[in-house]
Amino acid sequence: MKELNAVVEKVVQSEKGLKIRGINNTFIFNVNKSANKKDIKDAVEKYFHVKVAAVNTVITRGKFRRVGKYTGKLPNIKKAYIKLEEGQRISALEV
């Protein structure tokens, strides 16, 4: 198993993330592109001491940006949607 800081990069704090958290008890994390679902589940369970019910991942493609005549591309980001068991919560991430 990989360490948490090698798997989970940061927590996504957005309006959509807060809405999903309130309805489905699901947290959104940006994760390492090479991490698989088992690594993500093990890291979150070990670090936050919660039971994970499901892990869904998605890769969002980076947008193209332009500054003057120069163009570039933002990096691709892998997100993990972590659904917790009923009654579980991560108190450190509560708003």
N, C-alpha and C. Protein backbone atom coordinates (compact mmCIF):
# COMPACT_ATOMS: atom_id res chain seq x y z
N MET A 1 0.83 -1.18 0.00
CA MET A 1 0.00 0.00 0.00
C MET A 1 0.88 1.24 0.00
N LYS A 2 0.49 2.22 -0.76
CA LYS A 2 1.21 3.48 -0.81
C LYS A 2 0.79 4.36 0.37
N GLU A 3 1.63 5.31 0.71
CA GLU A 3 1.31 6.24 1.78
C GLU A 3 0.23 7.21 1.33
N LEU A 4 -0.48 7.82 2.30
CA LEU A 4 -1.58 8.73 1.98
C LEU A 4 -1.10 9.92 1.17
N ASN A 5 0.03 10.51 1.55
CA ASN A 5 0.48 11.70 0.83
C ASN A 5 0.96 11.37 -0.58
N ALA A 6 1.22 10.10 -0.87
CA ALA A 6 1.58 9.69 -2.23
C ALA A 6 0.33 9.38 -3.05
N VAL A 7 -0.81 9.16 -2.40
CA VAL A 7 -2.04 8.81 -3.10
C VAL A 7 -2.97 10.02 -3.20
N VAL A 8 -3.35 10.59 -2.05
CA VAL A 8 -4.28 11.70 -2.01
C VAL A 8 -3.50 13.01 -2.06
N GLU A 9 -3.81 13.85 -3.05
CA GLU A 9 -3.09 15.11 -3.19
C GLU A 9 -3.78 16.24 -2.44
N LYS A 10 -5.12 16.37 -2.61
CA LYS A 10 -5.84 17.40 -1.86
C LYS A 10 -7.33 17.12 -1.89
N VAL A 11 -8.06 17.79 -1.00
CA VAL A 11 -9.51 17.68 -0.93
C VAL A 11 -10.11 18.75 -1.82
N VAL A 12 -11.13 18.39 -2.57
CA VAL A 12 -11.81 19.35 -3.43
C VAL A 12 -12.89 20.03 -2.62
N GLN A 13 -12.76 21.34 -2.41
CA GLN A 13 -13.74 22.13 -1.68
C GLN A 13 -14.46 23.02 -2.70
N SER A 14 -15.59 22.56 -3.20
CA SER A 14 -16.36 23.32 -4.17
C SER A 14 -17.84 23.22 -3.81
N GLU A 15 -18.67 24.00 -4.51
CA GLU A 15 -20.10 23.95 -4.24
C GLU A 15 -20.66 22.57 -4.57
N LYS A 16 -20.22 22.00 -5.68
CA LYS A 16 -20.68 20.68 -6.07
C LYS A 16 -20.24 19.65 -5.03
N GLY A 17 -18.99 19.76 -4.56
CA GLY A 17 -18.49 18.82 -3.56
C GLY A 17 -19.25 18.89 -2.26
N LEU A 18 -19.60 20.10 -1.82
CA LEU A 18 -20.36 20.26 -0.58
C LEU A 18 -21.77 19.72 -0.73
N LYS A 19 -22.36 19.90 -1.92
CA LYS A 19 -23.71 19.39 -2.16
C LYS A 19 -23.72 17.86 -2.12
N ILE A 20 -22.75 17.24 -2.79
CA ILE A 20 -22.66 15.78 -2.81
C ILE A 20 -22.37 15.24 -1.41
N ARG A 21 -21.55 15.97 -0.66
CA ARG A 21 -21.22 15.55 0.70
C ARG A 21 -22.46 15.52 1.59
N GLY A 22 -23.32 16.52 1.44
CA GLY A 22 -24.53 16.59 2.25
C GLY A 22 -25.57 15.55 1.88
N ILE A 23 -25.68 15.24 0.59
CA ILE A 23 -26.72 14.32 0.14
C ILE A 23 -26.28 12.86 0.26
N ASN A 24 -25.10 12.53 -0.27
CA ASN A 24 -24.69 11.13 -0.39
C ASN A 24 -23.58 10.71 0.56
N ASN A 25 -23.10 11.61 1.42
CA ASN A 25 -21.97 11.31 2.31
C ASN A 25 -20.75 10.90 1.48
N THR A 26 -20.48 11.67 0.41
CA THR A 26 -19.40 11.39 -0.52
C THR A 26 -18.42 12.56 -0.51
N PHE A 27 -17.14 12.23 -0.40
CA PHE A 27 -16.08 13.23 -0.41
C PHE A 27 -15.31 13.14 -1.71
N ILE A 28 -14.81 14.29 -2.19
CA ILE A 28 -14.06 14.33 -3.44
C ILE A 28 -12.61 14.69 -3.14
N PHE A 29 -11.68 13.89 -3.67
CA PHE A 29 -10.26 14.13 -3.50
C PHE A 29 -9.57 14.15 -4.86
N ASN A 30 -8.57 15.01 -5.02
CA ASN A 30 -7.66 14.89 -6.16
C ASN A 30 -6.61 13.87 -5.76
N VAL A 31 -6.38 12.88 -6.63
CA VAL A 31 -5.46 11.80 -6.30
C VAL A 31 -4.39 11.67 -7.37
N ASN A 32 -3.36 10.90 -7.05
CA ASN A 32 -2.28 10.64 -7.98
C ASN A 32 -2.82 9.84 -9.16
N LYS A 33 -2.32 10.14 -10.36
CA LYS A 33 -2.82 9.48 -11.56
C LYS A 33 -2.53 7.99 -11.58
N SER A 34 -1.47 7.56 -10.90
CA SER A 34 -1.11 6.15 -10.91
C SER A 34 -1.80 5.35 -9.80
N ALA A 35 -2.56 6.01 -8.93
CA ALA A 35 -3.23 5.32 -7.82
C ALA A 35 -4.47 4.59 -8.32
N ASN A 36 -4.65 3.36 -7.84
CA ASN A 36 -5.86 2.63 -8.21
C ASN A 36 -6.87 2.72 -7.07
N LYS A 37 -8.06 2.16 -7.28
CA LYS A 37 -9.14 2.29 -6.31
C LYS A 37 -8.81 1.64 -4.97
N LYS A 38 -8.11 0.53 -5.00
CA LYS A 38 -7.74 -0.15 -3.75
C LYS A 38 -6.76 0.69 -2.94
N ASP A 39 -5.76 1.28 -3.60
CA ASP A 39 -4.82 2.16 -2.91
C ASP A 39 -5.53 3.35 -2.28
N ILE A 40 -6.47 3.95 -3.02
CA ILE A 40 -7.20 5.11 -2.53
C ILE A 40 -8.03 4.73 -1.32
N LYS A 41 -8.75 3.61 -1.41
CA LYS A 41 -9.59 3.15 -0.30
C LYS A 41 -8.76 2.87 0.94
N ASP A 42 -7.66 2.14 0.79
CA ASP A 42 -6.81 1.82 1.93
C ASP A 42 -6.23 3.06 2.58
N ALA A 43 -5.79 4.02 1.77
CA ALA A 43 -5.18 5.23 2.30
C ALA A 43 -6.19 6.06 3.08
N VAL A 44 -7.41 6.23 2.55
CA VAL A 44 -8.43 7.04 3.23
C VAL A 44 -8.87 6.34 4.52
N GLU A 45 -9.07 5.03 4.48
CA GLU A 45 -9.48 4.31 5.69
C GLU A 45 -8.41 4.38 6.78
N LYS A 46 -7.16 4.26 6.39
CA LYS A 46 -6.08 4.29 7.37
C LYS A 46 -5.89 5.68 7.99
N TYR A 47 -5.95 6.70 7.17
CA TYR A 47 -5.65 8.04 7.65
C TYR A 47 -6.81 8.66 8.43
N PHE A 48 -8.04 8.53 7.91
CA PHE A 48 -9.19 9.18 8.53
C PHE A 48 -9.96 8.26 9.48
N HIS A 49 -9.63 6.97 9.56
CA HIS A 49 -10.27 6.01 10.45
C HIS A 49 -11.78 5.93 10.19
N VAL A 50 -12.14 5.72 8.93
CA VAL A 50 -13.53 5.57 8.52
C VAL A 50 -13.65 4.32 7.65
N LYS A 51 -14.88 3.88 7.43
CA LYS A 51 -15.16 2.76 6.54
C LYS A 51 -15.64 3.31 5.20
N VAL A 52 -14.98 2.90 4.12
CA VAL A 52 -15.32 3.36 2.78
C VAL A 52 -16.24 2.34 2.13
N ALA A 53 -17.38 2.82 1.60
CA ALA A 53 -18.33 1.93 0.93
C ALA A 53 -17.98 1.77 -0.54
N ALA A 54 -17.60 2.86 -1.22
CA ALA A 54 -17.32 2.79 -2.66
C ALA A 54 -16.33 3.86 -3.05
N VAL A 55 -15.57 3.56 -4.10
CA VAL A 55 -14.63 4.52 -4.67
C VAL A 55 -14.88 4.59 -6.18
N ASN A 56 -15.17 5.78 -6.67
CA ASN A 56 -15.31 6.01 -8.10
C ASN A 56 -14.26 7.02 -8.52
N THR A 57 -13.62 6.79 -9.66
CA THR A 57 -12.59 7.70 -10.13
C THR A 57 -12.94 8.23 -11.51
N VAL A 58 -12.44 9.43 -11.79
CA VAL A 58 -12.64 10.06 -13.09
C VAL A 58 -11.40 10.90 -13.39
N ILE A 59 -11.01 10.92 -14.65
CA ILE A 59 -9.90 11.76 -15.08
C ILE A 59 -10.48 12.94 -15.84
N THR A 60 -10.26 14.15 -15.32
CA THR A 60 -10.72 15.35 -16.01
C THR A 60 -9.59 15.87 -16.87
N ARG A 61 -9.86 16.11 -18.11
CA ARG A 61 -8.85 16.57 -19.04
C ARG A 61 -8.53 18.03 -18.78
N GLY A 62 -7.25 18.38 -18.93
CA GLY A 62 -6.81 19.75 -18.70
C GLY A 62 -7.28 20.67 -19.79
N LYS A 63 -7.59 21.90 -19.41
CA LYS A 63 -8.08 22.88 -20.37
C LYS A 63 -6.91 23.53 -21.10
N PHE A 64 -7.20 24.01 -22.28
CA PHE A 64 -6.21 24.77 -23.04
C PHE A 64 -6.34 26.24 -22.65
N ARG A 65 -5.22 26.87 -22.38
CA ARG A 65 -5.19 28.27 -21.98
C ARG A 65 -4.29 29.05 -22.92
N ARG A 66 -4.59 30.33 -23.06
CA ARG A 66 -3.80 31.17 -23.94
C ARG A 66 -3.47 32.47 -23.23
N VAL A 67 -2.21 32.89 -23.30
CA VAL A 67 -1.77 34.17 -22.78
C VAL A 67 -1.09 34.88 -23.93
N GLY A 68 -1.77 35.87 -24.49
CA GLY A 68 -1.22 36.54 -25.67
C GLY A 68 -1.18 35.59 -26.85
N LYS A 69 -0.02 35.48 -27.44
CA LYS A 69 0.11 34.57 -28.59
C LYS A 69 0.55 33.17 -28.19
N TYR A 70 0.81 32.95 -26.91
CA TYR A 70 1.29 31.66 -26.44
C TYR A 70 0.12 30.80 -25.94
N THR A 71 0.14 29.54 -26.31
CA THR A 71 -0.89 28.62 -25.84
C THR A 71 -0.25 27.54 -24.98
N GLY A 72 -1.03 27.01 -24.09
CA GLY A 72 -0.55 25.95 -23.23
C GLY A 72 -1.72 25.11 -22.77
N LYS A 73 -1.42 24.06 -22.05
CA LYS A 73 -2.45 23.15 -21.57
C LYS A 73 -2.22 22.87 -20.10
N LEU A 74 -3.29 22.94 -19.32
CA LEU A 74 -3.22 22.59 -17.91
C LEU A 74 -3.15 21.07 -17.79
N PRO A 75 -2.59 20.56 -16.70
CA PRO A 75 -2.44 19.11 -16.58
C PRO A 75 -3.78 18.40 -16.35
N ASN A 76 -3.84 17.13 -16.72
CA ASN A 76 -5.00 16.29 -16.43
C ASN A 76 -5.03 16.01 -14.93
N ILE A 77 -6.24 15.89 -14.37
CA ILE A 77 -6.41 15.66 -12.94
C ILE A 77 -7.27 14.43 -12.74
N LYS A 78 -6.86 13.56 -11.83
CA LYS A 78 -7.66 12.39 -11.47
C LYS A 78 -8.37 12.68 -10.17
N LYS A 79 -9.70 12.53 -10.16
CA LYS A 79 -10.50 12.75 -8.97
C LYS A 79 -11.06 11.43 -8.48
N ALA A 80 -11.19 11.32 -7.17
CA ALA A 80 -11.80 10.14 -6.56
C ALA A 80 -13.00 10.58 -5.75
N TYR A 81 -14.14 9.95 -6.01
CA TYR A 81 -15.35 10.17 -5.24
C TYR A 81 -15.44 9.05 -4.22
N ILE A 82 -15.28 9.39 -2.94
CA ILE A 82 -15.24 8.42 -1.85
C ILE A 82 -16.57 8.45 -1.12
N LYS A 83 -17.34 7.36 -1.23
CA LYS A 83 -18.60 7.24 -0.50
C LYS A 83 -18.34 6.47 0.79
N LEU A 84 -18.72 7.07 1.91
CA LEU A 84 -18.51 6.45 3.21
C LEU A 84 -19.70 5.61 3.61
N GLU A 85 -19.46 4.64 4.50
CA GLU A 85 -20.54 3.81 5.05
C GLU A 85 -21.53 4.70 5.80
N GLU A 86 -22.72 4.17 6.00
CA GLU A 86 -23.77 4.90 6.71
C GLU A 86 -23.31 5.18 8.14
N GLY A 87 -23.46 6.42 8.59
CA GLY A 87 -23.07 6.80 9.94
C GLY A 87 -21.63 7.23 10.08
N GLN A 88 -20.81 7.05 9.07
CA GLN A 88 -19.40 7.47 9.10
C GLN A 88 -19.29 8.91 8.63
N ARG A 89 -18.31 9.64 9.16
CA ARG A 89 -18.03 10.99 8.69
C ARG A 89 -16.60 11.34 9.00
N ILE A 90 -16.07 12.27 8.22
CA ILE A 90 -14.71 12.75 8.43
C ILE A 90 -14.84 14.13 9.09
N SER A 91 -14.63 14.16 10.38
CA SER A 91 -14.84 15.40 11.14
C SER A 91 -13.79 16.46 10.80
N ALA A 92 -12.61 16.05 10.36
CA ALA A 92 -11.56 17.02 10.03
C ALA A 92 -11.91 17.83 8.78
N LEU A 93 -12.78 17.31 7.93
CA LEU A 93 -13.14 17.99 6.70
C LEU A 93 -14.51 18.64 6.73
N GLU A 94 -15.18 18.62 7.86
CA GLU A 94 -16.50 19.24 7.97
C GLU A 94 -16.36 20.75 7.94
N VAL A 95 -17.34 21.39 7.33
CA VAL A 95 -17.33 22.85 7.21
C VAL A 95 -18.05 23.47 8.38
